[in-house]
PDB file of all heavy atoms in Angstrom:
ATOM      1  N   ALA A   1     235.067 128.017  97.371  1.00  0.00           N
ATOM      2  CA  ALA A   1     233.984 128.830  97.930  1.00  0.00           C
ATOM      3  C   ALA A   1     232.653 128.495  97.275  1.00  0.00           C
ATOM      4  O   ALA A   1     231.627 128.368  97.954  1.00  0.00           O
ATOM      5  CB  ALA A   1     234.304 130.314  97.750  1.00  0.00           C
ATOM      6  N   ALA A   2     232.654 128.353  95.960  1.00  0.00           N
ATOM      7  CA  ALA A   2     231.419 128.037  95.243  1.00  0.00           C
ATOM      8  C   ALA A   2     230.899 126.659  95.648  1.00  0.00           C
ATOM      9  O   ALA A   2     229.694 126.469  95.874  1.00  0.00           O
ATOM     10  CB  ALA A   2     231.663 128.091  93.735  1.00  0.00           C
ATOM     11  N   LEU A   3     231.800 125.701  95.753  1.00  0.00           N
ATOM     12  CA  LEU A   3     231.405 124.346  96.141  1.00  0.00           C
ATOM     13  C   LEU A   3     230.814 124.337  97.545  1.00  0.00           C
ATOM     14  O   LEU A   3     229.790 123.681  97.798  1.00  0.00           O
ATOM     15  CB  LEU A   3     232.611 123.417  96.071  1.00  0.00           C
ATOM     16  CG  LEU A   3     232.378 121.949  96.470  1.00  0.00           C
ATOM     17  CD1 LEU A   3     231.388 121.288  95.520  1.00  0.00           C
ATOM     18  CD2 LEU A   3     233.707 121.185  96.470  1.00  0.00           C
ATOM     19  N   ALA A   4     231.423 125.081  98.458  1.00  0.00           N
ATOM     20  CA  ALA A   4     230.963 125.095  99.852  1.00  0.00           C
ATOM     21  C   ALA A   4     229.565 125.667  99.994  1.00  0.00           C
ATOM     22  O   ALA A   4     228.817 125.276 100.896  1.00  0.00           O
ATOM     23  CB  ALA A   4     231.938 125.888 100.715  1.00  0.00           C
ATOM     24  N   THR A   5     229.173 126.583  99.100  1.00  0.00           N
ATOM     25  CA  THR A   5     227.828 127.144  99.194  1.00  0.00           C
ATOM     26  C   THR A   5     226.765 126.104  98.856  1.00  0.00           C
ATOM     27  O   THR A   5     225.587 126.294  99.185  1.00  0.00           O
ATOM     28  CB  THR A   5     227.644 128.357  98.254  1.00  0.00           C
ATOM     29  OG1 THR A   5     227.822 127.944  96.898  1.00  0.00           O
ATOM     30  CG2 THR A   5     228.613 129.459  98.594  1.00  0.00           C
ATOM     31  N   CYS A   6     227.179 125.010  98.214  1.00  0.00           N
ATOM     32  CA  CYS A   6     226.253 123.915  97.905  1.00  0.00           C
ATOM     33  C   CYS A   6     226.391 122.753  98.883  1.00  0.00           C
ATOM     34  O   CYS A   6     225.388 122.201  99.355  1.00  0.00           O
ATOM     35  CB  CYS A   6     226.493 123.408  96.481  1.00  0.00           C
ATOM     36  SG  CYS A   6     226.109 124.597  95.190  1.00  0.00           S
ATOM     37  N   THR A   7     227.622 122.372  99.201  1.00  0.00           N
ATOM     38  CA  THR A   7     227.821 121.193 100.040  1.00  0.00           C
ATOM     39  C   THR A   7     227.364 121.412 101.476  1.00  0.00           C
ATOM     40  O   THR A   7     226.848 120.488 102.114  1.00  0.00           O
ATOM     41  CB  THR A   7     229.296 120.764 100.045  1.00  0.00           C
ATOM     42  OG1 THR A   7     230.117 121.870 100.451  1.00  0.00           O
ATOM     43  CG2 THR A   7     229.734 120.303  98.654  1.00  0.00           C
ATOM     44  N   GLY A   8     227.529 122.624 101.998  1.00  0.00           N
ATOM     45  CA  GLY A   8     227.094 122.896 103.362  1.00  0.00           C
ATOM     46  C   GLY A   8     225.598 122.690 103.551  1.00  0.00           C
ATOM     47  O   GLY A   8     225.166 121.914 104.410  1.00  0.00           O
ATOM     48  N   PRO A   9     224.769 123.374 102.745  1.00  0.00           N
ATOM     49  CA  PRO A   9     223.324 123.172 102.859  1.00  0.00           C
ATOM     50  C   PRO A   9     222.895 121.741 102.539  1.00  0.00           C
ATOM     51  O   PRO A   9     221.985 121.204 103.185  1.00  0.00           O
ATOM     52  CB  PRO A   9     222.754 124.155 101.828  1.00  0.00           C
ATOM     53  CG  PRO A   9     223.787 125.199 101.691  1.00  0.00           C
ATOM     54  CD  PRO A   9     225.089 124.481 101.835  1.00  0.00           C
ATOM     55  N   ALA A  10     223.528 121.127 101.556  1.00  0.00           N
ATOM     56  CA  ALA A  10     223.158 119.763 101.178  1.00  0.00           C
ATOM     57  C   ALA A  10     223.429 118.789 102.319  1.00  0.00           C
ATOM     58  O   ALA A  10     222.606 117.919 102.628  1.00  0.00           O
ATOM     59  CB  ALA A  10     223.919 119.336  99.927  1.00  0.00           C
ATOM     60  N   SER A  11     224.572 118.934 102.970  1.00  0.00           N
ATOM     61  CA  SER A  11     224.907 118.076 104.104  1.00  0.00           C
ATOM     62  C   SER A  11     223.925 118.292 105.243  1.00  0.00           C
ATOM     63  O   SER A  11     223.497 117.337 105.911  1.00  0.00           O
ATOM     64  CB  SER A  11     226.338 118.373 104.572  1.00  0.00           C
ATOM     65  OG  SER A  11     226.660 117.622 105.718  1.00  0.00           O
ATOM     66  N   ALA A  12     223.547 119.555 105.467  1.00  0.00           N
ATOM     67  CA  ALA A  12     222.589 119.860 106.528  1.00  0.00           C
ATOM     68  C   ALA A  12     221.231 119.241 106.219  1.00  0.00           C
ATOM     69  O   ALA A  12     220.534 118.761 107.122  1.00  0.00           O
ATOM     70  CB  ALA A  12     222.456 121.375 106.678  1.00  0.00           C
ATOM     71  N   ALA A  13     220.845 119.238 104.950  1.00  0.00           N
ATOM     72  CA  ALA A  13     219.549 118.683 104.562  1.00  0.00           C
ATOM     73  C   ALA A  13     219.463 117.193 104.871  1.00  0.00           C
ATOM     74  O   ALA A  13     218.402 116.686 105.247  1.00  0.00           O
ATOM     75  CB  ALA A  13     219.300 118.924 103.073  1.00  0.00           C
ATOM     76  N   ILE A  14     220.582 116.496 104.718  1.00  0.00           N
ATOM     77  CA  ILE A  14     220.600 115.065 105.040  1.00  0.00           C
ATOM     78  C   ILE A  14     220.264 114.856 106.506  1.00  0.00           C
ATOM     79  O   ILE A  14     219.464 113.981 106.868  1.00  0.00           O
ATOM     80  CB  ILE A  14     221.974 114.469 104.700  1.00  0.00           C
ATOM     81  CG1 ILE A  14     222.214 114.498 103.190  1.00  0.00           C
ATOM     82  CG2 ILE A  14     222.085 113.032 105.218  1.00  0.00           C
ATOM     83  CD1 ILE A  14     223.624 114.095 102.782  1.00  0.00           C
ATOM     84  N   ARG A  15     220.850 115.687 107.363  1.00  0.00           N
ATOM     85  CA  ARG A  15     220.623 115.551 108.801  1.00  0.00           C
ATOM     86  C   ARG A  15     219.230 116.023 109.198  1.00  0.00           C
ATOM     87  O   ARG A  15     218.601 115.456 110.087  1.00  0.00           O
ATOM     88  CB  ARG A  15     221.691 116.345 109.546  1.00  0.00           C
ATOM     89  CG  ARG A  15     223.101 115.812 109.337  1.00  0.00           C
ATOM     90  CD  ARG A  15     224.172 116.773 109.811  1.00  0.00           C
ATOM     91  NE  ARG A  15     224.100 117.042 111.249  1.00  0.00           N
ATOM     92  CZ  ARG A  15     224.892 117.895 111.881  1.00  0.00           C
ATOM     93  NH1 ARG A  15     225.803 118.584 111.181  1.00  0.00           N
ATOM     94  NH2 ARG A  15     224.783 118.085 113.188  1.00  0.00           N
ATOM     95  N   LEU A  16     218.746 117.055 108.547  1.00  0.00           N
ATOM     96  CA  LEU A  16     217.460 117.642 108.928  1.00  0.00           C
ATOM     97  C   LEU A  16     216.267 116.844 108.414  1.00  0.00           C
ATOM     98  O   LEU A  16     215.238 116.759 109.080  1.00  0.00           O
ATOM     99  CB  LEU A  16     217.375 119.070 108.390  1.00  0.00           C
ATOM    100  CG  LEU A  16     218.301 120.103 109.052  1.00  0.00           C
ATOM    101  CD1 LEU A  16     218.416 121.332 108.175  1.00  0.00           C
ATOM    102  CD2 LEU A  16     217.778 120.473 110.433  1.00  0.00           C
ATOM    103  N   LEU A  17     216.411 116.267 107.213  1.00  0.00           N
ATOM    104  CA  LEU A  17     215.284 115.603 106.568  1.00  0.00           C
ATOM    105  C   LEU A  17     215.442 114.091 106.447  1.00  0.00           C
ATOM    106  O   LEU A  17     214.519 113.409 105.995  1.00  0.00           O
ATOM    107  CB  LEU A  17     215.079 116.195 105.160  1.00  0.00           C
ATOM    108  CG  LEU A  17     214.672 117.669 105.108  1.00  0.00           C
ATOM    109  CD1 LEU A  17     214.769 118.195 103.678  1.00  0.00           C
ATOM    110  CD2 LEU A  17     213.266 117.852 105.653  1.00  0.00           C
ATOM    111  N   GLY A  18     216.602 113.578 106.849  1.00  0.00           N
ATOM    112  CA  GLY A  18     216.825 112.145 106.749  1.00  0.00           C
ATOM    113  C   GLY A  18     216.892 111.665 105.307  1.00  0.00           C
ATOM    114  O   GLY A  18     216.459 110.547 104.989  1.00  0.00           O
ATOM    115  N   LEU A  19     217.436 112.495 104.408  1.00  0.00           N
ATOM    116  CA  LEU A  19     217.517 112.140 102.993  1.00  0.00           C
ATOM    117  C   LEU A  19     218.615 111.117 102.740  1.00  0.00           C
ATOM    118  O   LEU A  19     219.544 110.958 103.543  1.00  0.00           O
ATOM    119  CB  LEU A  19     217.781 113.397 102.156  1.00  0.00           C
ATOM    120  CG  LEU A  19     216.732 114.504 102.256  1.00  0.00           C
ATOM    121  CD1 LEU A  19     217.163 115.707 101.428  1.00  0.00           C
ATOM    122  CD2 LEU A  19     215.372 114.007 101.800  1.00  0.00           C
ATOM    123  N   ASP A  20     218.516 110.432 101.611  1.00  0.00           N
ATOM    124  CA  ASP A  20     219.528 109.458 101.200  1.00  0.00           C
ATOM    125  C   ASP A  20     220.814 110.215 100.845  1.00  0.00           C
ATOM    126  O   ASP A  20     220.822 111.012  99.893  1.00  0.00           O
ATOM    127  CB  ASP A  20     219.024 108.686  99.985  1.00  0.00           C
ATOM    128  CG  ASP A  20     220.041 107.688  99.443  1.00  0.00           C
ATOM    129  OD1 ASP A  20     221.150 107.574 100.014  1.00  0.00           O
ATOM    130  OD2 ASP A  20     219.727 107.019  98.444  1.00  0.00           O
ATOM    131  N   PRO A  21     221.901 110.014 101.579  1.00  0.00           N
ATOM    132  CA  PRO A  21     223.129 110.770 101.306  1.00  0.00           C
ATOM    133  C   PRO A  21     223.701 110.513  99.917  1.00  0.00           C
ATOM    134  O   PRO A  21     224.331 111.392  99.329  1.00  0.00           O
ATOM    135  CB  PRO A  21     224.090 110.299 102.405  1.00  0.00           C
ATOM    136  CG  PRO A  21     223.537 109.006 102.886  1.00  0.00           C
ATOM    137  CD  PRO A  21     222.061 109.101 102.730  1.00  0.00           C
ATOM    138  N   TYR A  22     223.465 109.319  99.380  1.00  0.00           N
ATOM    139  CA  TYR A  22     223.972 109.017  98.036  1.00  0.00           C
ATOM    140  C   TYR A  22     223.210 109.827  96.988  1.00  0.00           C
ATOM    141  O   TYR A  22     223.793 110.339  96.025  1.00  0.00           O
ATOM    142  CB  TYR A  22     223.848 107.525  97.750  1.00  0.00           C
ATOM    143  CG  TYR A  22     224.778 106.688  98.593  1.00  0.00           C
ATOM    144  CD1 TYR A  22     224.344 106.127  99.798  1.00  0.00           C
ATOM    145  CD2 TYR A  22     226.102 106.472  98.206  1.00  0.00           C
ATOM    146  CE1 TYR A  22     225.196 105.378 100.584  1.00  0.00           C
ATOM    147  CE2 TYR A  22     226.969 105.711  98.988  1.00  0.00           C
ATOM    148  CZ  TYR A  22     226.503 105.170 100.178  1.00  0.00           C
ATOM    149  OH  TYR A  22     227.356 104.422 100.958  1.00  0.00           O
ATOM    150  N   ALA A  23     221.908 109.943  97.179  1.00  0.00           N
ATOM    151  CA  ALA A  23     221.100 110.730  96.250  1.00  0.00           C
ATOM    152  C   ALA A  23     221.484 112.211  96.318  1.00  0.00           C
ATOM    153  O   ALA A  23     221.562 112.891  95.288  1.00  0.00           O
ATOM    154  CB  ALA A  23     219.619 110.556  96.574  1.00  0.00           C
ATOM    155  N   VAL A  24     221.731 112.704  97.525  1.00  0.00           N
ATOM    156  CA  VAL A  24     222.115 114.101  97.683  1.00  0.00           C
ATOM    157  C   VAL A  24     223.474 114.351  97.042  1.00  0.00           C
ATOM    158  O   VAL A  24     223.685 115.373  96.376  1.00  0.00           O
ATOM    159  CB  VAL A  24     222.128 114.494  99.175  1.00  0.00           C
ATOM    160  CG1 VAL A  24     222.716 115.899  99.359  1.00  0.00           C
ATOM    161  CG2 VAL A  24     220.716 114.441  99.743  1.00  0.00           C
ATOM    162  N   HIS A  25     224.394 113.407  97.201  1.00  0.00           N
ATOM    163  CA  HIS A  25     225.699 113.569  96.566  1.00  0.00           C
ATOM    164  C   HIS A  25     225.546 113.561  95.043  1.00  0.00           C
ATOM    165  O   HIS A  25     226.261 114.272  94.329  1.00  0.00           O
ATOM    166  CB  HIS A  25     226.638 112.449  97.008  1.00  0.00           C
ATOM    167  CG  HIS A  25     228.062 112.886  97.151  1.00  0.00           C
ATOM    168  ND1 HIS A  25     228.491 113.755  98.129  1.00  0.00           N
ATOM    169  CD2 HIS A  25     229.170 112.589  96.418  1.00  0.00           C
ATOM    170  CE1 HIS A  25     229.783 113.963  98.013  1.00  0.00           C
ATOM    171  NE2 HIS A  25     230.215 113.284  96.963  1.00  0.00           N
ATOM    172  N   GLY A  26     224.611 112.767  94.570  1.00  0.00           N
ATOM    173  CA  GLY A  26     224.356 112.732  93.142  1.00  0.00           C
ATOM    174  C   GLY A  26     223.848 114.059  92.608  1.00  0.00           C
ATOM    175  O   GLY A  26     224.254 114.504  91.534  1.00  0.00           O
ATOM    176  N   LEU A  27     222.976 114.714  93.354  1.00  0.00           N
ATOM    177  CA  LEU A  27     222.468 115.998  92.886  1.00  0.00           C
ATOM    178  C   LEU A  27     223.558 117.068  92.935  1.00  0.00           C
ATOM    179  O   LEU A  27     223.560 118.005  92.115  1.00  0.00           O
ATOM    180  CB  LEU A  27     221.219 116.415  93.665  1.00  0.00           C
ATOM    181  CG  LEU A  27     221.307 116.844  95.130  1.00  0.00           C
ATOM    182  CD1 LEU A  27     221.661 118.302  95.273  1.00  0.00           C
ATOM    183  CD2 LEU A  27     219.964 116.570  95.821  1.00  0.00           C
ATOM    184  N   LEU A  28     224.489 116.925  93.880  1.00  0.00           N
ATOM    185  CA  LEU A  28     225.626 117.849  93.896  1.00  0.00           C
ATOM    186  C   LEU A  28     226.484 117.658  92.656  1.00  0.00           C
ATOM    187  O   LEU A  28     227.004 118.625  92.090  1.00  0.00           O
ATOM    188  CB  LEU A  28     226.465 117.639  95.162  1.00  0.00           C
ATOM    189  CG  LEU A  28     225.853 118.124  96.474  1.00  0.00           C
ATOM    190  CD1 LEU A  28     226.716 117.700  97.660  1.00  0.00           C
ATOM    191  CD2 LEU A  28     225.677 119.639  96.472  1.00  0.00           C
ATOM    192  N   ALA A  29     226.626 116.402  92.227  1.00  0.00           N
ATOM    193  CA  ALA A  29     227.377 116.120  91.005  1.00  0.00           C
ATOM    194  C   ALA A  29     226.691 116.762  89.799  1.00  0.00           C
ATOM    195  O   ALA A  29     227.365 117.236  88.871  1.00  0.00           O
ATOM    196  CB  ALA A  29     227.505 114.613  90.805  1.00  0.00           C
ATOM    197  N   GLU A  30     225.364 116.788  89.812  1.00  0.00           N
ATOM    198  CA  GLU A  30     224.628 117.440  88.728  1.00  0.00           C
ATOM    199  C   GLU A  30     224.947 118.936  88.672  1.00  0.00           C
ATOM    200  O   GLU A  30     224.939 119.546  87.595  1.00  0.00           O
ATOM    201  CB  GLU A  30     223.126 117.259  88.929  1.00  0.00           C
ATOM    202  CG  GLU A  30     222.617 115.837  88.768  1.00  0.00           C
ATOM    203  CD  GLU A  30     221.132 115.748  89.082  1.00  0.00           C
ATOM    204  OE1 GLU A  30     220.417 116.755  88.872  1.00  0.00           O
ATOM    205  OE2 GLU A  30     220.687 114.689  89.556  1.00  0.00           O
ATOM    206  N   LEU A  31     225.216 119.508  89.829  1.00  0.00           N
ATOM    207  CA  LEU A  31     225.506 120.941  89.899  1.00  0.00           C
ATOM    208  C   LEU A  31     226.967 121.266  89.602  1.00  0.00           C
ATOM    209  O   LEU A  31     227.327 122.448  89.499  1.00  0.00           O
ATOM    210  CB  LEU A  31     225.149 121.480  91.288  1.00  0.00           C
ATOM    211  CG  LEU A  31     223.662 121.472  91.666  1.00  0.00           C
ATOM    212  CD1 LEU A  31     223.482 121.902  93.111  1.00  0.00           C
ATOM    213  CD2 LEU A  31     222.867 122.382  90.744  1.00  0.00           C
ATOM    214  N   ALA A  32     227.807 120.244  89.467  1.00  0.00           N
ATOM    215  CA  ALA A  32     229.241 120.470  89.269  1.00  0.00           C
ATOM    216  C   ALA A  32     229.549 121.400  88.090  1.00  0.00           C
ATOM    217  O   ALA A  32     230.394 122.299  88.223  1.00  0.00           O
ATOM    218  CB  ALA A  32     229.966 119.134  89.105  1.00  0.00           C
ATOM    219  N   PRO A  33     228.903 121.225  86.923  1.00  0.00           N
ATOM    220  CA  PRO A  33     229.201 122.153  85.821  1.00  0.00           C
ATOM    221  C   PRO A  33     228.878 123.608  86.166  1.00  0.00           C
ATOM    222  O   PRO A  33     229.617 124.525  85.775  1.00  0.00           O
ATOM    223  CB  PRO A  33     228.304 121.643  84.680  1.00  0.00           C
ATOM    224  CG  PRO A  33     228.091 120.200  84.987  1.00  0.00           C
ATOM    225  CD  PRO A  33     227.994 120.145  86.488  1.00  0.00           C
ATOM    226  N   GLU A  34     227.792 123.834  86.909  1.00  0.00           N
ATOM    227  CA  GLU A  34     227.448 125.192  87.297  1.00  0.00           C
ATOM    228  C   GLU A  34     228.444 125.748  88.318  1.00  0.00           C
ATOM    229  O   GLU A  34     228.769 126.940  88.294  1.00  0.00           O
ATOM    230  CB  GLU A  34     226.029 125.239  87.871  1.00  0.00           C
ATOM    231  CG  GLU A  34     224.953 124.894  86.850  1.00  0.00           C
ATOM    232  CD  GLU A  34     223.559 124.968  87.430  1.00  0.00           C
ATOM    233  OE1 GLU A  34     223.239 125.971  88.092  1.00  0.00           O
ATOM    234  OE2 GLU A  34     222.788 124.017  87.218  1.00  0.00           O
ATOM    235  N   ILE A  35     228.917 124.884  89.196  1.00  0.00           N
ATOM    236  CA  ILE A  35     229.933 125.296  90.164  1.00  0.00           C
ATOM    237  C   ILE A  35     231.210 125.710  89.430  1.00  0.00           C
ATOM    238  O   ILE A  35     231.842 126.720  89.756  1.00  0.00           O
ATOM    239  CB  ILE A  35     230.216 124.164  91.164  1.00  0.00           C
ATOM    240  CG1 ILE A  35     228.982 123.931  92.053  1.00  0.00           C
ATOM    241  CG2 ILE A  35     231.434 124.486  92.037  1.00  0.00           C
ATOM    242  CD1 ILE A  35     229.064 122.687  92.914  1.00  0.00           C
ATOM    243  N   GLU A  36     231.583 124.939  88.414  1.00  0.00           N
ATOM    244  CA  GLU A  36     232.768 125.266  87.621  1.00  0.00           C
ATOM    245  C   GLU A  36     232.583 126.589  86.884  1.00  0.00           C
ATOM    246  O   GLU A  36     233.511 127.387  86.785  1.00  0.00           O
ATOM    247  CB  GLU A  36     233.055 124.142  86.625  1.00  0.00           C
ATOM    248  CG  GLU A  36     233.659 122.895  87.252  1.00  0.00           C
ATOM    249  CD  GLU A  36     235.047 123.154  87.821  1.00  0.00           C
ATOM    250  OE1 GLU A  36     235.750 124.079  87.343  1.00  0.00           O
ATOM    251  OE2 GLU A  36     235.438 122.439  88.750  1.00  0.00           O
ATOM    252  N   THR A  37     231.384 126.812  86.367  1.00  0.00           N
ATOM    253  CA  THR A  37     231.125 128.060  85.646  1.00  0.00           C
ATOM    254  C   THR A  37     231.264 129.262  86.569  1.00  0.00           C
ATOM    255  O   THR A  37     231.897 130.266  86.220  1.00  0.00           O
ATOM    256  CB  THR A  37     229.715 128.041  85.032  1.00  0.00           C
ATOM    257  OG1 THR A  37     229.635 126.986  84.066  1.00  0.00           O
ATOM    258  CG2 THR A  37     229.395 129.362  84.355  1.00  0.00           C
ATOM    259  N   VAL A  38     230.681 129.151  87.754  1.00  0.00           N
ATOM    260  CA  VAL A  38     230.774 130.250  88.720  1.00  0.00           C
ATOM    261  C   VAL A  38     232.221 130.501  89.105  1.00  0.00           C
ATOM    262  O   VAL A  38     232.685 131.653  89.147  1.00  0.00           O
ATOM    263  CB  VAL A  38     229.926 129.936  89.973  1.00  0.00           C
ATOM    264  CG1 VAL A  38     230.254 130.913  91.110  1.00  0.00           C
ATOM    265  CG2 VAL A  38     228.451 130.005  89.644  1.00  0.00           C
ATOM    266  N   SER A  39     232.970 129.441  89.377  1.00  0.00           N
ATOM    267  CA  SER A  39     234.359 129.617  89.802  1.00  0.00           C
ATOM    268  C   SER A  39     235.239 130.149  88.675  1.00  0.00           C
ATOM    269  O   SER A  39     236.132 130.963  88.905  1.00  0.00           O
ATOM    270  CB  SER A  39     234.925 128.297  90.344  1.00  0.00           C
ATOM    271  OG  SER A  39     234.946 127.301  89.349  1.00  0.00           O
ATOM    272  N   SER A  40     234.993 129.715  87.450  1.00  0.00           N
ATOM    273  CA  SER A  40     235.829 130.163  86.335  1.00  0.00           C
ATOM    274  C   SER A  40     235.636 131.639  86.046  1.00  0.00           C
ATOM    275  O   SER A  40     236.559 132.319  85.588  1.00  0.00           O
ATOM    276  CB  SER A  40     235.521 129.351  85.077  1.00  0.00           C
ATOM    277  OG  SER A  40     234.213 129.617  84.609  1.00  0.00           O
ATOM    278  N   ARG A  41     234.442 132.148  86.336  1.00  0.00           N
ATOM    279  CA  ARG A  41     234.179 133.566  86.104  1.00  0.00           C
ATOM    280  C   ARG A  41     234.612 134.432  87.272  1.00  0.00           C
ATOM    281  O   ARG A  41     234.485 135.653  87.220  1.00  0.00           O
ATOM    282  CB  ARG A  41     232.687 133.769  85.841  1.00  0.00           C
ATOM    283  CG  ARG A  41     232.234 133.161  84.523  1.00  0.00           C
ATOM    284  CD  ARG A  41     230.745 133.275  84.341  1.00  0.00           C
ATOM    285  NE  ARG A  41     230.327 132.707  83.069  1.00  0.00           N
ATOM    286  CZ  ARG A  41     229.065 132.564  82.684  1.00  0.00           C
ATOM    287  NH1 ARG A  41     228.086 132.956  83.496  1.00  0.00           N
ATOM    288  NH2 ARG A  41     228.754 132.033  81.509  1.00  0.00           N
ATOM    289  N   SER A  42     235.120 133.809  88.327  1.00  0.00           N
ATOM    290  CA  SER A  42     235.498 134.559  89.533  1.00  0.00           C
ATOM    291  C   SER A  42     236.986 134.458  89.839  1.00  0.00           C
ATOM    292  O   SER A  42     237.435 134.998  90.839  1.00  0.00           O
ATOM    293  CB  SER A  42     234.717 134.018  90.740  1.00  0.00           C
ATOM    294  OG  SER A  42     233.338 134.024  90.502  1.00  0.00           O
ATOM    295  N   CYS A  43     237.766 133.782  88.974  1.00  0.00           N
ATOM    296  CA  CYS A  43     239.116 133.409  89.394  1.00  0.00           C
ATOM    297  C   CYS A  43     240.134 134.537  89.312  1.00  0.00           C
ATOM    298  O   CYS A  43     241.175 134.468  89.937  1.00  0.00           O
ATOM    299  CB  CYS A  43     239.612 132.206  88.592  1.00  0.00           C
ATOM    300  SG  CYS A  43     239.720 132.482  86.816  1.00  0.00           S
TER     301      CYS A  43
END
């Protein structure tokens, strides 16, 4: 659930703004520790 709240908008941004999908995937990787923190506190 936590991951989907980031990947959905990020994927949409690629289509809406014509962004580099590799760069967007990279920024999602940057958010991975925060995604883990949110999920670990909700499990």
